[in-house]
């Protein structure tokens, strides 16, 4: 069937509980909020910060819940390279509670709204879906209507779409059949078929493109490459840092100096803490695993920071840190 265009409704769910996740290796993530479902895994927020859990490290019942199994499921790296440096051990739970209790009321409210959105999307069941050669926009708008029609409260879940039909590119279409699934499973199934992400916000679900790129594809555009090379050329110092947790503070610690131009004065060495960049833990902020810092002039002045997750630098178009090292090497 071709999905009709329908209006998107507002989510008014009020109460939701946090999730507990346990990997196949036994690592536990307590009181987690699901932020985003990507083709290769889920992004979650705990009291200690944000983390990514890959489907390859999750038990089957969790994988089934988030409906992996699309054409994209086997095309992404395993989680081994992504070391979680900000997950608090069991003995530090009291410390996490202290940070959570000290969070501003607005932060706690936003987090509860996110959980309420996910709870609503998982409580609504759709008996049958049969998409035949439809666009993602048509499919999502149809699911929004189904969510409202199958919600006893009649409110449904608000859905938004970002960058799913870039100008000048062919609009992707899909064919997909689903039986007895939750609204959340249906939305993530549609997104994953096209290699998109589904993020949970305090307002609803957002479907958008991601830079998760399958092996063998070009890893960044000419624009991204040129931008990074220009940044590297203009920087007098490039430093790699990681977050180290100390109670409610994330300490910004230098782990490597990728570039230091001749005669460039830089006040830090590997192992030093850059206290000016330390952060106080807040549950609504994704800090990543660390930052790449770009300095100019001498003495070096900080011009730009780029957050990285695992080996990917989100602030530089998702390029791997190893690629940045290569670009720095060629610039010398």
Protein backbone atom coordinates (compact mmCIF):
# COMPACT_ATOMS: atom_id res chain seq x y z
CA UNK A 1 0.00 0.00 0.00
CA UNK A 2 1.08 3.57 -0.58
CA UNK A 3 1.19 5.55 2.64
CA UNK A 4 -1.19 8.53 2.72
CA UNK A 5 0.00 11.88 3.98
CA UNK A 6 -1.26 12.60 7.50
CA UNK A 7 -0.69 15.28 10.11
CA UNK A 8 1.73 14.62 12.94
CA UNK A 9 0.33 14.75 16.46
CA UNK A 10 1.76 15.90 19.79
CA UNK A 11 3.06 13.44 22.38
CA UNK A 12 1.55 14.02 25.80
CA UNK A 13 2.93 11.00 27.65
CA UNK A 14 3.71 11.94 31.22
CA UNK A 15 5.51 9.16 33.08
CA UNK A 16 8.30 6.88 31.95
CA UNK A 17 10.90 4.70 33.61
CA UNK A 18 14.58 4.56 32.72
CA UNK A 19 16.08 1.45 31.12
CA UNK A 20 18.79 -0.90 32.36
CA UNK A 21 21.06 -2.46 29.73
CA UNK A 22 23.50 -5.34 30.08
CA UNK A 23 25.93 -6.35 27.33
CA UNK A 24 26.70 -9.94 26.43
CA UNK A 25 29.97 -9.54 28.34
CA UNK A 26 28.10 -8.53 31.50
CA UNK A 27 28.76 -4.78 31.54
CA UNK A 28 25.77 -2.94 33.02
CA UNK A 29 24.31 0.48 32.29
CA UNK A 30 21.78 1.45 34.95
CA UNK A 31 19.02 4.04 34.74
CA UNK A 32 19.77 4.84 31.08
CA UNK A 33 17.84 7.08 28.71
CA UNK A 34 17.84 6.06 25.04
CA UNK A 35 18.83 9.08 22.96
CA UNK A 36 19.26 7.72 19.46
CA UNK A 37 18.95 4.49 17.45
CA UNK A 38 21.49 4.23 14.63
CA UNK A 39 22.03 1.51 12.02
CA UNK A 40 24.84 -0.04 14.11
CA UNK A 41 23.65 0.51 17.68
CA UNK A 42 22.00 2.80 20.23
CA UNK A 43 23.20 5.95 21.99
CA UNK A 44 22.24 6.14 25.65
CA UNK A 45 22.62 8.62 28.49
CA UNK A 46 23.36 7.57 32.07
CA UNK A 47 24.17 9.60 35.14
CA UNK A 48 27.84 9.32 34.16
CA UNK A 49 27.47 10.64 30.62
CA UNK A 50 26.71 9.34 27.15
CA UNK A 51 27.70 5.99 25.67
CA UNK A 52 27.17 4.03 22.48
CA UNK A 53 26.13 0.37 22.67
CA UNK A 54 26.68 -1.57 19.45
CA UNK A 55 24.16 -4.22 18.43
CA UNK A 56 27.05 -6.68 18.23
CA UNK A 57 27.49 -6.45 22.02
CA UNK A 58 23.82 -6.55 23.04
CA UNK A 59 21.68 -9.64 23.77
CA UNK A 60 19.10 -10.76 21.17
CA UNK A 61 16.08 -9.47 23.08
CA UNK A 62 17.52 -5.93 23.11
CA UNK A 63 18.48 -6.14 19.44
CA UNK A 64 14.94 -7.26 18.59
CA UNK A 65 13.48 -4.38 20.55
CA UNK A 66 15.32 -1.83 18.42
CA UNK A 67 14.72 -3.76 15.21
CA UNK A 68 18.14 -4.27 13.73
CA UNK A 69 18.36 -6.77 10.86
CA UNK A 70 18.16 -4.39 7.94
CA UNK A 71 20.58 -4.21 5.01
CA UNK A 72 22.85 -2.02 7.16
CA UNK A 73 23.25 -4.27 10.19
CA UNK A 74 26.45 -6.03 9.12
CA UNK A 75 28.26 -3.10 7.57
CA UNK A 76 29.67 -1.37 10.62
CA UNK A 77 32.69 -2.02 12.87
CA UNK A 78 32.43 -3.87 16.14
CA UNK A 79 32.54 -2.01 19.40
CA UNK A 80 35.99 -3.11 20.52
CA UNK A 81 37.72 0.05 19.38
CA UNK A 82 35.32 2.33 21.20
CA UNK A 83 36.54 2.34 24.80
CA UNK A 84 33.99 3.81 27.19
CA UNK A 85 36.02 6.07 29.47
CA UNK A 86 33.16 7.72 31.35
CA UNK A 87 31.06 4.78 32.51
CA UNK A 88 31.07 4.74 36.26
CA UNK A 89 31.88 1.46 38.07
CA UNK A 90 29.35 0.00 40.46
CA UNK A 91 31.22 1.37 43.48
CA UNK A 92 30.73 4.95 42.23
CA UNK A 93 26.92 4.87 42.08
CA UNK A 94 26.66 7.13 45.13
CA UNK A 95 28.83 9.66 43.31
CA UNK A 96 26.57 9.54 40.27
CA UNK A 97 23.51 10.09 42.46
CA UNK A 98 25.17 13.15 43.93
CA UNK A 99 25.68 14.61 40.44
CA UNK A 100 22.13 13.73 39.40
CA UNK A 101 20.66 15.26 42.54
CA UNK A 102 22.63 18.43 41.90
CA UNK A 103 21.44 18.77 38.30
CA UNK A 104 19.24 21.78 37.50
CA UNK A 105 15.46 21.05 37.58
CA UNK A 106 15.25 21.83 33.85
CA UNK A 107 17.73 19.01 33.10
CA UNK A 108 15.71 16.47 35.08
CA UNK A 109 12.47 17.55 33.42
CA UNK A 110 13.95 17.23 29.94
CA UNK A 111 15.26 13.77 30.73
CA UNK A 112 11.88 12.61 31.99
CA UNK A 113 10.24 13.97 28.85
CA UNK A 114 12.62 11.93 26.70
CA UNK A 115 11.79 8.79 28.63
CA UNK A 116 8.09 9.57 28.31
CA UNK A 117 8.39 9.88 24.54
CA UNK A 118 10.11 6.49 24.26
CA UNK A 119 7.61 4.87 26.63
CA UNK A 120 4.71 6.15 24.54
CA UNK A 121 6.31 5.01 21.27
CA UNK A 122 6.89 1.53 22.73
CA UNK A 123 3.40 1.25 24.21
CA UNK A 124 1.56 1.76 20.92
CA UNK A 125 1.27 -1.41 18.81
CA UNK A 126 0.53 -1.54 15.10
CA UNK A 127 -0.91 -4.87 13.84
CA UNK A 128 0.22 -4.69 10.21
CA UNK A 129 2.29 -2.43 7.95
CA UNK A 130 2.90 -2.97 4.25
CA UNK A 131 4.92 -0.29 2.45
CA UNK A 132 5.36 -0.63 -1.32
CA UNK A 133 7.75 1.77 -3.06
CA UNK A 134 7.19 4.72 -0.73
CA UNK A 135 9.48 7.55 0.31
CA UNK A 136 10.75 7.81 3.86
CA UNK A 137 8.66 10.94 4.35
CA UNK A 138 5.50 9.12 3.25
CA UNK A 139 6.31 6.16 5.50
CA UNK A 140 7.02 8.30 8.58
CA UNK A 141 3.89 10.42 8.08
CA UNK A 142 1.82 7.25 7.72
CA UNK A 143 3.33 5.85 10.95
CA UNK A 144 2.55 9.09 12.77
CA UNK A 145 -1.09 8.61 11.81
CA UNK A 146 -1.02 4.95 12.82
CA UNK A 147 0.48 5.92 16.15
CA UNK A 148 -2.38 8.26 16.81
CA UNK A 149 -5.03 5.79 15.61
CA UNK A 150 -3.66 2.94 17.74
CA UNK A 151 -2.99 5.01 20.85
CA UNK A 152 -5.83 4.60 23.39
CA UNK A 153 -5.26 8.23 24.40
CA UNK A 154 -5.48 9.31 20.77
CA UNK A 155 -2.41 11.56 21.03
CA UNK A 156 0.31 9.58 19.29
CA UNK A 157 3.94 10.71 19.08
CA UNK A 158 5.30 13.78 17.36
CA UNK A 159 7.78 12.95 14.56
CA UNK A 160 10.15 15.22 12.67
CA UNK A 161 12.47 14.58 9.74
CA UNK A 162 15.82 16.25 9.06
CA UNK A 163 17.93 16.11 5.88
CA UNK A 164 16.23 12.98 4.53
CA UNK A 165 15.75 14.40 1.02
CA UNK A 166 18.85 16.51 0.24
CA UNK A 167 18.47 18.84 -2.72
CA UNK A 168 19.94 17.44 -5.93
CA UNK A 169 19.89 13.81 -4.76
CA UNK A 170 17.49 11.04 -5.73
CA UNK A 171 14.76 10.55 -3.13
CA UNK A 172 15.20 7.04 -1.66
CA UNK A 173 12.20 4.70 -1.64
CA UNK A 174 11.54 1.54 0.32
CA UNK A 175 9.40 -1.57 0.39
CA UNK A 176 8.83 -3.08 3.82
CA UNK A 177 6.30 -5.34 5.59
CA UNK A 178 5.95 -5.58 9.38
CA UNK A 179 3.59 -7.55 11.62
CA UNK A 180 2.55 -6.69 15.20
CA UNK A 181 5.27 -4.19 16.05
CA UNK A 182 5.47 -1.20 18.36
CA UNK A 183 5.42 2.26 16.87
CA UNK A 184 9.05 2.67 17.90
CA UNK A 185 10.07 -0.57 16.18
CA UNK A 186 8.26 0.48 13.02
CA UNK A 187 9.94 3.90 12.91
CA UNK A 188 13.40 2.46 13.56
CA UNK A 189 12.82 -0.27 10.96
CA UNK A 190 12.03 2.34 8.31
CA UNK A 191 15.02 4.44 9.32
CA UNK A 192 17.44 1.52 9.43
CA UNK A 193 16.37 0.27 6.02
CA UNK A 194 17.60 3.59 4.63
CA UNK A 195 20.66 3.93 6.88
CA UNK A 196 19.10 6.75 8.93
CA UNK A 197 19.02 7.38 12.69
CA UNK A 198 16.08 7.86 15.06
CA UNK A 199 16.76 10.19 17.97
CA UNK A 200 14.54 10.60 21.02
CA UNK A 201 14.07 14.18 22.15
CA UNK A 202 11.84 15.73 24.79
CA UNK A 203 9.37 16.59 22.00
CA UNK A 204 9.23 13.35 20.04
CA UNK A 205 11.17 11.24 17.52
CA UNK A 206 13.52 12.76 14.94
CA UNK A 207 14.56 10.82 11.83
CA UNK A 208 17.69 12.07 10.11
CA UNK A 209 20.72 11.07 8.09
CA UNK A 210 23.85 9.86 9.84
CA UNK A 211 27.48 9.69 8.83
CA UNK A 212 27.69 5.97 9.54
CA UNK A 213 29.25 4.84 6.24
CA UNK A 214 29.58 1.25 5.12
CA UNK A 215 32.99 -0.17 4.33
CA UNK A 216 34.19 0.53 0.84
CA UNK A 217 32.34 3.82 0.54
CA UNK A 218 34.08 7.20 0.49
CA UNK A 219 34.43 8.18 4.13
CA UNK A 220 34.17 11.94 3.71
CA UNK A 221 33.31 14.39 0.96
CA UNK A 222 35.78 16.66 -0.82
CA UNK A 223 34.33 19.54 1.20
CA UNK A 224 35.00 17.75 4.49
CA UNK A 225 38.52 16.81 3.41
CA UNK A 226 39.31 20.35 2.32
CA UNK A 227 37.91 21.79 5.54
CA UNK A 228 40.00 19.47 7.73
CA UNK A 229 43.18 20.05 5.72
CA UNK A 230 42.65 23.80 5.94
CA UNK A 231 42.19 23.54 9.72
CA UNK A 232 45.36 21.50 10.08
CA UNK A 233 47.39 23.90 7.93
CA UNK A 234 46.31 26.99 9.88
CA UNK A 235 46.82 25.44 13.35
CA UNK A 236 50.04 26.02 15.23
CA UNK A 237 49.16 23.30 17.76
CA UNK A 238 46.71 20.38 17.59
CA UNK A 239 46.16 18.47 20.84
CA UNK A 240 44.14 15.34 21.56
CA UNK A 241 42.45 15.17 24.96
CA UNK A 242 40.22 12.73 26.83
CA UNK A 243 37.74 13.14 29.66
CA UNK A 244 38.71 11.71 33.05
CA UNK A 245 35.92 11.52 35.60
CA UNK A 246 36.51 12.97 39.08
CA UNK A 247 33.27 12.92 41.05
CA UNK A 248 31.01 15.45 39.27
CA UNK A 249 33.78 16.91 37.11
CA UNK A 250 35.14 15.77 33.74
CA UNK A 251 38.83 16.65 33.63
CA UNK A 252 40.24 17.55 30.20
CA UNK A 253 43.56 15.67 30.03
CA UNK A 254 46.06 15.86 27.14
CA UNK A 255 46.76 12.42 25.64
CA UNK A 256 48.71 13.40 22.52
CA UNK A 257 50.05 16.47 20.75
CA UNK A 258 49.44 15.79 17.08
CA UNK A 259 51.10 18.97 15.84
CA UNK A 260 53.28 21.71 17.33
CA UNK A 261 54.73 24.12 14.83
CA UNK A 262 58.38 25.23 15.11
CA UNK A 263 58.66 27.99 17.68
CA UNK A 264 55.02 27.61 18.79
CA UNK A 265 54.76 28.08 22.55
CA UNK A 266 52.28 25.67 24.13
CA UNK A 267 51.80 25.50 27.89
CA UNK A 268 50.76 21.84 28.15
CA UNK A 269 52.34 18.43 27.68
CA UNK A 270 50.92 14.90 27.55
CA UNK A 271 49.29 14.04 30.87
CA UNK A 272 48.53 17.65 31.83
CA UNK A 273 45.03 18.77 32.72
CA UNK A 274 43.65 21.80 30.86
CA UNK A 275 41.50 22.99 33.73
CA UNK A 276 39.93 25.83 31.73
CA UNK A 277 38.17 23.16 29.64
CA UNK A 278 36.95 20.97 32.51
CA UNK A 279 33.20 20.31 32.55
CA UNK A 280 30.67 19.77 35.31
CA UNK A 281 28.62 16.64 34.57
CA UNK A 282 25.08 17.38 33.37
CA UNK A 283 22.73 14.61 32.28
CA UNK A 284 21.40 16.43 29.22
CA UNK A 285 24.76 17.00 27.56
CA UNK A 286 26.71 14.55 25.38
CA UNK A 287 30.41 15.14 26.04
CA UNK A 288 31.83 12.38 23.86
CA UNK A 289 35.04 10.61 24.83
CA UNK A 290 37.23 13.66 24.47
CA UNK A 291 38.14 16.59 22.26
CA UNK A 292 40.54 17.59 19.51
CA UNK A 293 41.84 21.10 20.20
CA UNK A 294 43.05 23.45 17.46
CA UNK A 295 45.30 26.36 18.48
CA UNK A 296 46.76 29.22 16.44
CA UNK A 297 49.64 31.62 16.94
CA UNK A 298 52.34 31.67 19.58
CA UNK A 299 51.75 31.53 22.43
CA UNK A 300 49.03 29.16 21.29
CA UNK A 301 45.43 30.42 21.51
CA UNK A 302 42.52 27.99 21.41
CA UNK A 303 40.45 28.54 18.24
CA UNK A 304 38.29 25.41 17.86
CA UNK A 305 37.31 22.21 19.67
CA UNK A 306 35.93 19.08 18.03
CA UNK A 307 34.32 16.29 20.08
CA UNK A 308 35.14 12.67 19.28
CA UNK A 309 33.31 9.42 20.07
CA UNK A 310 35.46 6.32 19.90
CA UNK A 311 37.64 6.90 16.83
CA UNK A 312 35.23 9.30 15.07
CA UNK A 313 35.49 13.08 15.34
CA UNK A 314 31.92 14.32 15.24
CA UNK A 315 32.99 17.96 14.97
CA UNK A 316 34.97 17.24 11.77
CA UNK A 317 32.38 15.42 9.70
CA UNK A 318 32.87 12.08 11.46
CA UNK A 319 36.39 11.38 10.15
CA UNK A 320 38.48 8.85 12.12
CA UNK A 321 41.26 10.14 14.38
CA UNK A 322 43.68 8.00 12.34
CA UNK A 323 42.76 10.00 9.23
CA UNK A 324 43.43 13.25 11.07
CA UNK A 325 46.85 11.91 12.05
CA UNK A 326 47.58 11.16 8.39
CA UNK A 327 46.55 14.66 7.33
CA UNK A 328 48.76 16.17 10.05
CA UNK A 329 51.65 13.94 8.92
CA UNK A 330 51.32 15.09 5.31
CA UNK A 331 51.23 18.73 6.37
CA UNK A 332 54.64 18.63 8.05
